[in-house]
Amino acid sequence: MAGNMDEGVFKITTLTSVSFYHKHTISRIINKIQKTGSTENCSRSGRPTELSADAKTFIEKQMHINNEATSIQIQKQLAKHGIVVNFCTVRRLRAKQGWTLQHNHYCQLIRVANKVKRLEYAQKILDSHDTFHIVIFFDECSVFLEQYRLICYQKVDKPLKRKPKPKHPLKVHVWAGINPKGGTVFLHL
């Protein structure tokens, strides 16, 4: 046994003189090979994941139901189901699942009745050859009484989703114009 030990020490000192590695590094690698038979890393004994697979699927389902949900809202929903985690954990897991923050792109909803009215108005303008040459300036201002979220989450590899928005949500319109005869009367709707 002593002869083997001396040979091992001799081999390590020979290796350190030939290579750039320290003798403690080489002896650690040799001990690891003797214990495990491999130089691969062992399984780590760190903290286990905080969320179960059920909680992860719950978060995924909630994001599909409401892609505007914040991490705090999902944290509260998890708490209702008895799973207490920090909102940062929810945010990290949501990012691992492939959800990314995007700005909403709205496409305007138009009612069928309004489509017909718009077409009739456009035909009327074309038929009358109106060029609006008497109008110098025309402006419109709308004050919305409803609020829509500006951001939502979506999967990285999915195409951009458009959110429908009603053509006429609760709002107040103000129109005014200036022509060669002077200012127009303000119109409030």
N, C-alpha and C. Protein backbone atom coordinates (compact mmCIF):
# COMPACT_ATOMS: atom_id res chain seq x y z
N MET A 1 0.83 -1.19 0.00
CA MET A 1 0.00 0.00 0.00
C MET A 1 0.87 1.25 0.00
N ALA A 2 1.96 1.21 0.80
CA ALA A 2 2.84 2.38 0.85
C ALA A 2 3.52 2.59 -0.48
N GLY A 3 3.86 1.48 -1.16
CA GLY A 3 4.50 1.60 -2.47
C GLY A 3 3.55 2.23 -3.49
N ASN A 4 2.26 1.83 -3.42
CA ASN A 4 1.27 2.41 -4.33
C ASN A 4 1.10 3.89 -4.04
N MET A 5 1.10 4.22 -2.75
CA MET A 5 0.92 5.62 -2.37
C MET A 5 2.10 6.44 -2.87
N ASP A 6 3.32 5.88 -2.71
CA ASP A 6 4.49 6.60 -3.17
C ASP A 6 4.47 6.76 -4.69
N GLU A 7 4.03 5.70 -5.40
CA GLU A 7 3.94 5.79 -6.85
C GLU A 7 2.93 6.86 -7.26
N GLY A 8 1.77 6.92 -6.53
CA GLY A 8 0.74 7.91 -6.83
C GLY A 8 1.25 9.31 -6.62
N VAL A 9 2.00 9.52 -5.53
CA VAL A 9 2.55 10.84 -5.26
C VAL A 9 3.58 11.20 -6.32
N PHE A 10 4.37 10.20 -6.69
CA PHE A 10 5.37 10.46 -7.72
C PHE A 10 4.70 10.84 -9.04
N LYS A 11 3.61 10.13 -9.38
CA LYS A 11 2.93 10.44 -10.63
C LYS A 11 2.32 11.84 -10.60
N ILE A 12 1.75 12.22 -9.45
CA ILE A 12 1.14 13.55 -9.34
C ILE A 12 2.20 14.62 -9.47
N THR A 13 3.34 14.42 -8.78
CA THR A 13 4.39 15.44 -8.87
C THR A 13 4.97 15.49 -10.28
N THR A 14 5.03 14.35 -10.95
CA THR A 14 5.50 14.34 -12.34
C THR A 14 4.51 15.08 -13.23
N LEU A 15 3.19 14.87 -13.01
CA LEU A 15 2.17 15.54 -13.81
C LEU A 15 2.19 17.05 -13.59
N THR A 16 2.41 17.47 -12.34
CA THR A 16 2.42 18.91 -12.07
C THR A 16 3.63 19.58 -12.70
N SER A 17 4.74 18.86 -12.79
CA SER A 17 5.91 19.47 -13.42
C SER A 17 5.73 19.58 -14.93
N VAL A 18 4.95 18.67 -15.52
CA VAL A 18 4.74 18.69 -16.97
C VAL A 18 3.58 19.62 -17.35
N SER A 19 2.52 19.67 -16.53
CA SER A 19 1.32 20.44 -16.89
C SER A 19 1.25 21.74 -16.09
N PHE A 20 0.23 22.53 -16.40
CA PHE A 20 0.04 23.81 -15.73
C PHE A 20 -0.88 23.70 -14.52
N TYR A 21 -1.35 22.51 -14.19
CA TYR A 21 -2.31 22.33 -13.11
C TYR A 21 -1.59 22.17 -11.78
N HIS A 22 -2.25 22.62 -10.73
CA HIS A 22 -1.71 22.49 -9.38
C HIS A 22 -1.90 21.05 -8.91
N LYS A 23 -1.04 20.59 -8.01
CA LYS A 23 -1.10 19.18 -7.58
C LYS A 23 -2.39 18.87 -6.83
N HIS A 24 -2.99 19.86 -6.15
CA HIS A 24 -4.26 19.60 -5.45
C HIS A 24 -5.39 19.38 -6.45
N THR A 25 -5.35 20.09 -7.57
CA THR A 25 -6.37 19.91 -8.60
C THR A 25 -6.27 18.52 -9.19
N ILE A 26 -5.07 18.08 -9.47
CA ILE A 26 -4.87 16.75 -10.06
C ILE A 26 -5.28 15.67 -9.08
N SER A 27 -4.93 15.82 -7.80
CA SER A 27 -5.30 14.80 -6.81
C SER A 27 -6.82 14.76 -6.62
N ARG A 28 -7.51 15.92 -6.71
CA ARG A 28 -8.97 15.94 -6.61
C ARG A 28 -9.61 15.18 -7.76
N ILE A 29 -9.08 15.38 -8.96
CA ILE A 29 -9.61 14.69 -10.14
C ILE A 29 -9.39 13.18 -10.02
N ILE A 30 -8.22 12.78 -9.56
CA ILE A 30 -7.93 11.35 -9.39
C ILE A 30 -8.86 10.74 -8.35
N ASN A 31 -9.06 11.43 -7.22
CA ASN A 31 -9.97 10.93 -6.18
C ASN A 31 -11.40 10.80 -6.71
N LYS A 32 -11.81 11.76 -7.52
CA LYS A 32 -13.17 11.73 -8.09
C LYS A 32 -13.33 10.53 -9.02
N ILE A 33 -12.31 10.25 -9.81
CA ILE A 33 -12.37 9.09 -10.72
C ILE A 33 -12.40 7.80 -9.91
N GLN A 34 -11.63 7.73 -8.81
CA GLN A 34 -11.63 6.53 -7.98
C GLN A 34 -12.98 6.31 -7.30
N LYS A 35 -13.64 7.41 -6.87
CA LYS A 35 -14.93 7.28 -6.17
C LYS A 35 -16.08 7.00 -7.13
N THR A 36 -16.18 7.78 -8.19
CA THR A 36 -17.36 7.70 -9.06
C THR A 36 -17.10 7.00 -10.38
N GLY A 37 -15.84 6.88 -10.77
CA GLY A 37 -15.53 6.26 -12.05
C GLY A 37 -15.68 7.21 -13.23
N SER A 38 -15.90 8.49 -12.95
CA SER A 38 -16.11 9.46 -14.02
C SER A 38 -15.65 10.84 -13.55
N THR A 39 -15.45 11.73 -14.52
CA THR A 39 -15.11 13.11 -14.17
C THR A 39 -16.33 14.03 -14.28
N GLU A 40 -17.50 13.45 -14.58
CA GLU A 40 -18.73 14.24 -14.69
C GLU A 40 -19.12 14.82 -13.33
N ASN A 41 -19.81 15.94 -13.36
CA ASN A 41 -20.29 16.54 -12.12
C ASN A 41 -21.38 15.68 -11.49
N CYS A 42 -21.35 15.61 -10.18
CA CYS A 42 -22.38 14.87 -9.45
C CYS A 42 -23.64 15.73 -9.38
N SER A 43 -24.75 15.08 -9.04
CA SER A 43 -25.98 15.85 -8.88
C SER A 43 -25.81 16.80 -7.71
N ARG A 44 -26.27 18.00 -7.89
CA ARG A 44 -26.06 19.03 -6.89
C ARG A 44 -27.11 18.93 -5.79
N SER A 45 -26.71 19.33 -4.61
CA SER A 45 -27.62 19.26 -3.47
C SER A 45 -28.12 20.66 -3.11
N GLY A 46 -28.57 21.40 -4.11
CA GLY A 46 -29.08 22.74 -3.87
C GLY A 46 -30.54 22.71 -3.43
N ARG A 47 -31.14 23.88 -3.38
CA ARG A 47 -32.54 23.97 -3.00
C ARG A 47 -33.41 23.35 -4.09
N PRO A 48 -34.46 22.63 -3.68
CA PRO A 48 -35.37 22.11 -4.69
C PRO A 48 -36.21 23.24 -5.28
N THR A 49 -36.81 22.99 -6.43
CA THR A 49 -37.64 24.02 -7.04
C THR A 49 -38.83 24.31 -6.14
N GLU A 50 -39.22 25.57 -6.09
CA GLU A 50 -40.30 25.98 -5.19
C GLU A 50 -41.67 25.54 -5.68
N LEU A 51 -41.83 25.41 -6.98
CA LEU A 51 -43.14 25.11 -7.53
C LEU A 51 -43.21 23.70 -8.08
N SER A 52 -44.34 23.06 -7.85
CA SER A 52 -44.56 21.73 -8.39
C SER A 52 -44.95 21.83 -9.86
N ALA A 53 -45.05 20.69 -10.50
CA ALA A 53 -45.45 20.67 -11.91
C ALA A 53 -46.89 21.17 -12.06
N ASP A 54 -47.75 20.87 -11.07
CA ASP A 54 -49.14 21.35 -11.11
C ASP A 54 -49.20 22.87 -11.07
N ALA A 55 -48.36 23.47 -10.22
CA ALA A 55 -48.34 24.94 -10.12
C ALA A 55 -47.83 25.56 -11.43
N LYS A 56 -46.87 24.90 -12.06
CA LYS A 56 -46.35 25.42 -13.33
C LYS A 56 -47.41 25.36 -14.42
N THR A 57 -48.17 24.26 -14.47
CA THR A 57 -49.24 24.17 -15.47
C THR A 57 -50.36 25.15 -15.14
N PHE A 58 -50.59 25.41 -13.85
CA PHE A 58 -51.61 26.39 -13.46
C PHE A 58 -51.22 27.78 -13.98
N ILE A 59 -49.95 28.15 -13.83
CA ILE A 59 -49.47 29.45 -14.31
C ILE A 59 -49.62 29.52 -15.83
N GLU A 60 -49.27 28.44 -16.51
CA GLU A 60 -49.39 28.41 -17.98
C GLU A 60 -50.84 28.60 -18.40
N LYS A 61 -51.77 27.92 -17.71
CA LYS A 61 -53.20 28.05 -18.04
C LYS A 61 -53.69 29.47 -17.78
N GLN A 62 -53.26 30.06 -16.66
CA GLN A 62 -53.69 31.42 -16.34
C GLN A 62 -53.19 32.42 -17.38
N MET A 63 -52.00 32.20 -17.90
CA MET A 63 -51.47 33.10 -18.92
C MET A 63 -52.23 32.95 -20.23
N HIS A 64 -52.69 31.72 -20.53
CA HIS A 64 -53.49 31.53 -21.75
C HIS A 64 -54.87 32.15 -21.58
N ILE A 65 -55.41 32.12 -20.36
CA ILE A 65 -56.74 32.71 -20.11
C ILE A 65 -56.66 34.23 -20.16
N ASN A 66 -55.67 34.80 -19.45
CA ASN A 66 -55.53 36.26 -19.38
C ASN A 66 -54.07 36.61 -19.60
N ASN A 67 -53.71 37.00 -20.82
CA ASN A 67 -52.31 37.29 -21.10
C ASN A 67 -51.89 38.68 -20.61
N GLU A 68 -52.79 39.40 -19.95
CA GLU A 68 -52.45 40.69 -19.36
C GLU A 68 -52.20 40.57 -17.85
N ALA A 69 -52.27 39.35 -17.32
CA ALA A 69 -52.12 39.14 -15.88
C ALA A 69 -50.70 39.46 -15.43
N THR A 70 -50.60 40.19 -14.33
CA THR A 70 -49.29 40.50 -13.77
C THR A 70 -48.85 39.36 -12.87
N SER A 71 -47.57 39.36 -12.50
CA SER A 71 -47.06 38.30 -11.64
C SER A 71 -47.70 38.36 -10.25
N ILE A 72 -48.07 39.55 -9.79
CA ILE A 72 -48.73 39.67 -8.49
C ILE A 72 -50.13 39.08 -8.54
N GLN A 73 -50.85 39.28 -9.65
CA GLN A 73 -52.18 38.69 -9.78
C GLN A 73 -52.10 37.16 -9.79
N ILE A 74 -51.12 36.62 -10.49
CA ILE A 74 -50.96 35.16 -10.52
C ILE A 74 -50.54 34.65 -9.16
N GLN A 75 -49.71 35.41 -8.45
CA GLN A 75 -49.30 35.02 -7.10
C GLN A 75 -50.52 34.92 -6.19
N LYS A 76 -51.45 35.87 -6.31
CA LYS A 76 -52.66 35.84 -5.48
C LYS A 76 -53.55 34.66 -5.84
N GLN A 77 -53.62 34.32 -7.13
CA GLN A 77 -54.41 33.16 -7.54
C GLN A 77 -53.79 31.86 -7.03
N LEU A 78 -52.46 31.79 -7.04
CA LEU A 78 -51.78 30.62 -6.48
C LEU A 78 -52.03 30.52 -4.98
N ALA A 79 -52.05 31.67 -4.29
CA ALA A 79 -52.29 31.67 -2.85
C ALA A 79 -53.70 31.15 -2.53
N LYS A 80 -54.67 31.46 -3.41
CA LYS A 80 -56.03 30.93 -3.21
C LYS A 80 -56.07 29.41 -3.31
N HIS A 81 -55.13 28.84 -4.06
CA HIS A 81 -55.04 27.39 -4.20
C HIS A 81 -54.07 26.78 -3.19
N GLY A 82 -53.59 27.58 -2.25
CA GLY A 82 -52.73 27.07 -1.18
C GLY A 82 -51.25 27.02 -1.53
N ILE A 83 -50.84 27.65 -2.59
CA ILE A 83 -49.43 27.67 -2.99
C ILE A 83 -48.89 29.07 -2.74
N VAL A 84 -47.99 29.20 -1.77
CA VAL A 84 -47.46 30.51 -1.39
C VAL A 84 -46.05 30.64 -1.97
N VAL A 85 -45.90 31.57 -2.91
CA VAL A 85 -44.60 31.86 -3.52
C VAL A 85 -44.46 33.36 -3.69
N ASN A 86 -43.25 33.79 -3.92
CA ASN A 86 -42.98 35.20 -4.16
C ASN A 86 -43.33 35.53 -5.61
N PHE A 87 -43.73 36.78 -5.86
CA PHE A 87 -44.08 37.16 -7.23
C PHE A 87 -42.87 37.11 -8.16
N CYS A 88 -41.66 37.27 -7.61
CA CYS A 88 -40.45 37.16 -8.44
C CYS A 88 -40.28 35.74 -8.97
N THR A 89 -40.67 34.76 -8.16
CA THR A 89 -40.62 33.36 -8.60
C THR A 89 -41.58 33.14 -9.76
N VAL A 90 -42.77 33.73 -9.65
CA VAL A 90 -43.76 33.63 -10.73
C VAL A 90 -43.21 34.28 -11.99
N ARG A 91 -42.58 35.43 -11.83
CA ARG A 91 -42.03 36.16 -12.98
C ARG A 91 -40.93 35.34 -13.66
N ARG A 92 -40.04 34.72 -12.85
CA ARG A 92 -38.96 33.90 -13.41
C ARG A 92 -39.51 32.69 -14.15
N LEU A 93 -40.50 32.02 -13.53
CA LEU A 93 -41.07 30.84 -14.15
C LEU A 93 -41.79 31.20 -15.44
N ARG A 94 -42.50 32.32 -15.43
CA ARG A 94 -43.21 32.76 -16.63
C ARG A 94 -42.21 33.02 -17.77
N ALA A 95 -41.06 33.59 -17.44
CA ALA A 95 -40.03 33.82 -18.46
C ALA A 95 -39.45 32.50 -18.97
N LYS A 96 -39.27 31.51 -18.06
CA LYS A 96 -38.77 30.20 -18.47
C LYS A 96 -39.76 29.49 -19.38
N GLN A 97 -41.05 29.74 -19.16
CA GLN A 97 -42.08 29.11 -19.99
C GLN A 97 -42.19 29.77 -21.36
N GLY A 98 -41.48 30.87 -21.56
CA GLY A 98 -41.44 31.50 -22.88
C GLY A 98 -42.34 32.70 -23.04
N TRP A 99 -42.90 33.23 -21.94
CA TRP A 99 -43.77 34.40 -22.03
C TRP A 99 -42.91 35.65 -22.01
N THR A 100 -43.18 36.58 -22.90
CA THR A 100 -42.43 37.82 -22.96
C THR A 100 -43.39 39.00 -22.99
N LEU A 101 -42.94 40.13 -22.53
CA LEU A 101 -43.77 41.33 -22.44
C LEU A 101 -43.82 42.03 -23.79
N GLN A 102 -45.02 42.34 -24.26
CA GLN A 102 -45.22 43.01 -25.54
C GLN A 102 -46.18 44.17 -25.35
N HIS A 103 -46.08 45.17 -26.20
CA HIS A 103 -47.07 46.24 -26.21
C HIS A 103 -48.24 45.80 -27.07
N ASN A 104 -49.45 46.12 -26.63
CA ASN A 104 -50.64 45.73 -27.36
C ASN A 104 -50.75 46.47 -28.69
N HIS A 105 -51.25 45.78 -29.68
CA HIS A 105 -51.58 46.37 -30.97
C HIS A 105 -53.06 46.14 -31.18
N TYR A 106 -53.80 47.22 -31.27
CA TYR A 106 -55.24 47.11 -31.37
C TYR A 106 -55.68 47.20 -32.83
N CYS A 107 -56.70 46.45 -33.15
CA CYS A 107 -57.36 46.60 -34.43
C CYS A 107 -58.79 47.05 -34.11
N GLN A 108 -59.24 48.04 -34.80
CA GLN A 108 -60.51 48.67 -34.46
C GLN A 108 -61.67 47.80 -34.92
N LEU A 109 -62.65 47.63 -34.03
CA LEU A 109 -63.86 46.90 -34.37
C LEU A 109 -64.84 47.85 -35.05
N ILE A 110 -65.47 47.38 -36.10
CA ILE A 110 -66.47 48.18 -36.80
C ILE A 110 -67.75 47.35 -36.88
N ARG A 111 -68.85 47.91 -36.41
CA ARG A 111 -70.13 47.20 -36.49
C ARG A 111 -70.57 47.10 -37.94
N VAL A 112 -71.37 46.08 -38.24
CA VAL A 112 -71.83 45.86 -39.61
C VAL A 112 -72.66 47.05 -40.09
N ALA A 113 -73.51 47.60 -39.22
CA ALA A 113 -74.33 48.75 -39.61
C ALA A 113 -73.46 49.95 -39.97
N ASN A 114 -72.36 50.15 -39.26
CA ASN A 114 -71.47 51.27 -39.55
C ASN A 114 -70.68 51.06 -40.84
N LYS A 115 -70.41 49.81 -41.18
CA LYS A 115 -69.72 49.54 -42.44
C LYS A 115 -70.56 50.02 -43.62
N VAL A 116 -71.86 49.73 -43.55
CA VAL A 116 -72.78 50.15 -44.61
C VAL A 116 -72.85 51.67 -44.67
N LYS A 117 -72.96 52.33 -43.51
CA LYS A 117 -73.04 53.80 -43.46
C LYS A 117 -71.76 54.44 -44.01
N ARG A 118 -70.60 53.89 -43.70
CA ARG A 118 -69.34 54.43 -44.20
C ARG A 118 -69.26 54.31 -45.72
N LEU A 119 -69.69 53.16 -46.23
CA LEU A 119 -69.67 52.97 -47.68
C LEU A 119 -70.61 53.94 -48.38
N GLU A 120 -71.80 54.14 -47.80
CA GLU A 120 -72.76 55.09 -48.38
C GLU A 120 -72.19 56.51 -48.38
N TYR A 121 -71.56 56.92 -47.28
CA TYR A 121 -70.98 58.26 -47.18
C TYR A 121 -69.86 58.45 -48.21
N ALA A 122 -69.00 57.44 -48.35
CA ALA A 122 -67.91 57.54 -49.31
C ALA A 122 -68.45 57.64 -50.74
N GLN A 123 -69.50 56.88 -51.03
CA GLN A 123 -70.12 56.95 -52.37
C GLN A 123 -70.73 58.33 -52.61
N LYS A 124 -71.36 58.89 -51.57
CA LYS A 124 -71.98 60.22 -51.68
C LYS A 124 -70.92 61.28 -51.97
N ILE A 125 -69.78 61.23 -51.28
CA ILE A 125 -68.69 62.19 -51.49
C ILE A 125 -68.13 62.04 -52.91
N LEU A 126 -67.94 60.81 -53.36
CA LEU A 126 -67.42 60.58 -54.71
C LEU A 126 -68.39 61.08 -55.78
N ASP A 127 -69.69 60.85 -55.55
CA ASP A 127 -70.70 61.27 -56.53
C ASP A 127 -70.82 62.79 -56.61
N SER A 128 -70.66 63.49 -55.48
CA SER A 128 -70.81 64.95 -55.47
C SER A 128 -69.51 65.67 -55.85
N HIS A 129 -68.44 64.92 -56.07
CA HIS A 129 -67.13 65.49 -56.42
C HIS A 129 -66.68 66.53 -55.41
N ASP A 130 -66.96 66.28 -54.13
CA ASP A 130 -66.56 67.22 -53.07
C ASP A 130 -65.07 67.06 -52.81
N THR A 131 -64.35 68.18 -52.77
CA THR A 131 -62.91 68.15 -52.52
C THR A 131 -62.55 68.77 -51.17
N PHE A 132 -63.53 69.24 -50.42
CA PHE A 132 -63.31 69.88 -49.12
C PHE A 132 -62.35 71.06 -49.25
N HIS A 133 -62.39 71.78 -50.38
CA HIS A 133 -61.46 72.90 -50.60
C HIS A 133 -61.77 74.10 -49.72
N ILE A 134 -62.96 74.16 -49.13
CA ILE A 134 -63.28 75.30 -48.27
C ILE A 134 -62.78 75.09 -46.85
N VAL A 135 -62.39 73.89 -46.50
CA VAL A 135 -61.92 73.60 -45.15
C VAL A 135 -60.41 73.80 -45.12
N ILE A 136 -59.95 74.69 -44.23
CA ILE A 136 -58.52 74.93 -44.08
C ILE A 136 -57.94 74.01 -43.00
N PHE A 137 -58.66 73.91 -41.90
CA PHE A 137 -58.17 73.11 -40.79
C PHE A 137 -59.36 72.43 -40.13
N PHE A 138 -59.20 71.16 -39.83
CA PHE A 138 -60.25 70.40 -39.16
C PHE A 138 -59.57 69.51 -38.13
N ASP A 139 -60.10 69.50 -36.93
CA ASP A 139 -59.47 68.69 -35.88
C ASP A 139 -60.54 68.01 -35.05
N GLU A 140 -60.14 66.91 -34.47
CA GLU A 140 -61.04 66.13 -33.63
C GLU A 140 -60.29 65.75 -32.36
N CYS A 141 -61.00 65.78 -31.27
CA CYS A 141 -60.42 65.37 -29.99
C CYS A 141 -61.39 64.40 -29.33
N SER A 142 -60.88 63.31 -28.82
CA SER A 142 -61.72 62.32 -28.14
C SER A 142 -61.19 62.10 -26.73
N VAL A 143 -62.09 62.11 -25.78
CA VAL A 143 -61.73 61.83 -24.39
C VAL A 143 -62.34 60.48 -24.05
N PHE A 144 -61.50 59.48 -23.81
CA PHE A 144 -61.97 58.13 -23.53
C PHE A 144 -62.35 57.99 -22.06
N LEU A 145 -63.43 57.30 -21.82
CA LEU A 145 -63.87 57.05 -20.45
C LEU A 145 -63.58 55.62 -20.02
N GLU A 146 -62.95 54.84 -20.89
CA GLU A 146 -62.56 53.47 -20.58
C GLU A 146 -61.05 53.36 -20.71
N GLN A 147 -60.50 52.39 -19.99
CA GLN A 147 -59.05 52.21 -20.03
C GLN A 147 -58.74 50.80 -20.51
N TYR A 148 -57.80 50.69 -21.42
CA TYR A 148 -57.35 49.41 -21.92
C TYR A 148 -55.87 49.26 -21.58
N ARG A 149 -55.46 48.03 -21.24
CA ARG A 149 -54.07 47.78 -20.89
C ARG A 149 -53.17 48.01 -22.09
N LEU A 150 -52.00 48.57 -21.84
CA LEU A 150 -51.05 48.85 -22.91
C LEU A 150 -50.09 47.71 -23.15
N ILE A 151 -50.01 46.76 -22.19
CA ILE A 151 -49.06 45.66 -22.34
C ILE A 151 -49.76 44.34 -22.13
N CYS A 152 -49.19 43.29 -22.67
CA CYS A 152 -49.65 41.94 -22.42
C CYS A 152 -48.46 41.00 -22.58
N TYR A 153 -48.62 39.76 -22.15
CA TYR A 153 -47.57 38.76 -22.28
C TYR A 153 -47.95 37.79 -23.38
N GLN A 154 -46.96 37.34 -24.13
CA GLN A 154 -47.21 36.33 -25.15
C GLN A 154 -45.97 35.49 -25.30
N LYS A 155 -46.14 34.31 -25.88
CA LYS A 155 -45.03 33.40 -26.10
C LYS A 155 -44.07 34.00 -27.12
N VAL A 156 -42.80 33.71 -26.95
CA VAL A 156 -41.76 34.28 -27.80
C VAL A 156 -41.92 33.81 -29.24
N ASP A 157 -42.24 32.53 -29.44
CA ASP A 157 -42.28 31.98 -30.79
C ASP A 157 -43.64 32.13 -31.47
N LYS A 158 -44.60 32.76 -30.83
CA LYS A 158 -45.94 32.92 -31.40
C LYS A 158 -46.04 34.26 -32.13
N PRO A 159 -46.92 34.35 -33.16
CA PRO A 159 -47.11 35.64 -33.84
C PRO A 159 -47.83 36.64 -32.94
N LEU A 160 -47.65 37.90 -33.25
CA LEU A 160 -48.23 38.97 -32.45
C LEU A 160 -49.75 38.91 -32.49
N LYS A 161 -50.37 38.92 -31.30
CA LYS A 161 -51.83 38.89 -31.21
C LYS A 161 -52.36 40.30 -31.20
N ARG A 162 -53.44 40.52 -31.90
CA ARG A 162 -54.09 41.83 -31.89
C ARG A 162 -55.29 41.76 -30.98
N LYS A 163 -55.51 42.85 -30.24
CA LYS A 163 -56.63 42.91 -29.31
C LYS A 163 -57.75 43.70 -29.94
N PRO A 164 -58.96 43.15 -29.95
CA PRO A 164 -60.08 43.92 -30.50
C PRO A 164 -60.48 45.04 -29.55
N LYS A 165 -60.84 46.14 -30.12
CA LYS A 165 -61.26 47.29 -29.33
C LYS A 165 -62.50 47.85 -30.01
N PRO A 166 -63.56 48.14 -29.26
CA PRO A 166 -64.77 48.65 -29.90
C PRO A 166 -64.53 49.99 -30.59
N LYS A 167 -65.22 50.17 -31.69
CA LYS A 167 -65.09 51.43 -32.43
C LYS A 167 -65.56 52.60 -31.60
N HIS A 168 -66.64 52.40 -30.85
CA HIS A 168 -67.21 53.48 -30.05
C HIS A 168 -67.27 53.09 -28.58
N PRO A 169 -66.13 53.10 -27.87
CA PRO A 169 -66.21 52.91 -26.43
C PRO A 169 -66.78 54.18 -25.80
N LEU A 170 -66.95 54.15 -24.51
CA LEU A 170 -67.49 55.33 -23.83
C LEU A 170 -66.48 56.47 -23.94
N LYS A 171 -66.86 57.52 -24.68
CA LYS A 171 -65.96 58.65 -24.86
C LYS A 171 -66.76 59.87 -25.31
N VAL A 172 -66.10 61.02 -25.25
CA VAL A 172 -66.70 62.28 -25.67
C VAL A 172 -65.89 62.80 -26.85
N HIS A 173 -66.57 63.15 -27.95
CA HIS A 173 -65.90 63.68 -29.14
C HIS A 173 -66.11 65.20 -29.21
N VAL A 174 -65.09 65.89 -29.63
CA VAL A 174 -65.18 67.33 -29.87
C VAL A 174 -64.59 67.58 -31.25
N TRP A 175 -65.38 68.17 -32.16
CA TRP A 175 -64.92 68.50 -33.51
C TRP A 175 -64.95 70.01 -33.71
N ALA A 176 -63.97 70.50 -34.42
CA ALA A 176 -63.95 71.92 -34.77
C ALA A 176 -63.17 72.09 -36.06
N GLY A 177 -63.50 73.14 -36.80
CA GLY A 177 -62.82 73.40 -38.06
C GLY A 177 -62.66 74.88 -38.30
N ILE A 178 -61.72 75.24 -39.15
CA ILE A 178 -61.51 76.63 -39.55
C ILE A 178 -61.57 76.66 -41.07
N ASN A 179 -62.37 77.57 -41.62
CA ASN A 179 -62.45 77.73 -43.07
C ASN A 179 -62.30 79.21 -43.41
N PRO A 180 -62.35 79.59 -44.68
CA PRO A 180 -62.17 81.01 -45.03
C PRO A 180 -63.20 81.94 -44.40
N LYS A 181 -64.34 81.42 -43.99
CA LYS A 181 -65.37 82.26 -43.38
C LYS A 181 -65.16 82.43 -41.87
N GLY A 182 -64.21 81.69 -41.28
CA GLY A 182 -63.98 81.79 -39.85
C GLY A 182 -64.06 80.42 -39.19
N GLY A 183 -64.12 80.44 -37.87
CA GLY A 183 -64.18 79.20 -37.12
C GLY A 183 -65.56 78.58 -37.17
N THR A 184 -65.59 77.28 -37.03
CA THR A 184 -66.86 76.57 -37.01
C THR A 184 -67.35 76.46 -35.57
N VAL A 185 -68.58 76.06 -35.43
CA VAL A 185 -69.16 75.83 -34.10
C VAL A 185 -68.60 74.52 -33.56
N PHE A 186 -68.24 74.51 -32.28
CA PHE A 186 -67.77 73.27 -31.67
C PHE A 186 -68.92 72.30 -31.59
N LEU A 187 -68.62 71.06 -31.86
CA LEU A 187 -69.63 70.02 -31.80
C LEU A 187 -69.22 69.03 -30.74
N HIS A 188 -70.08 68.83 -29.76
CA HIS A 188 -69.82 67.88 -28.66
C HIS A 188 -70.79 66.73 -28.81
N LEU A 189 -70.29 65.53 -28.76
CA LEU A 189 -71.14 64.33 -28.77
C LEU A 189 -70.84 63.48 -27.57
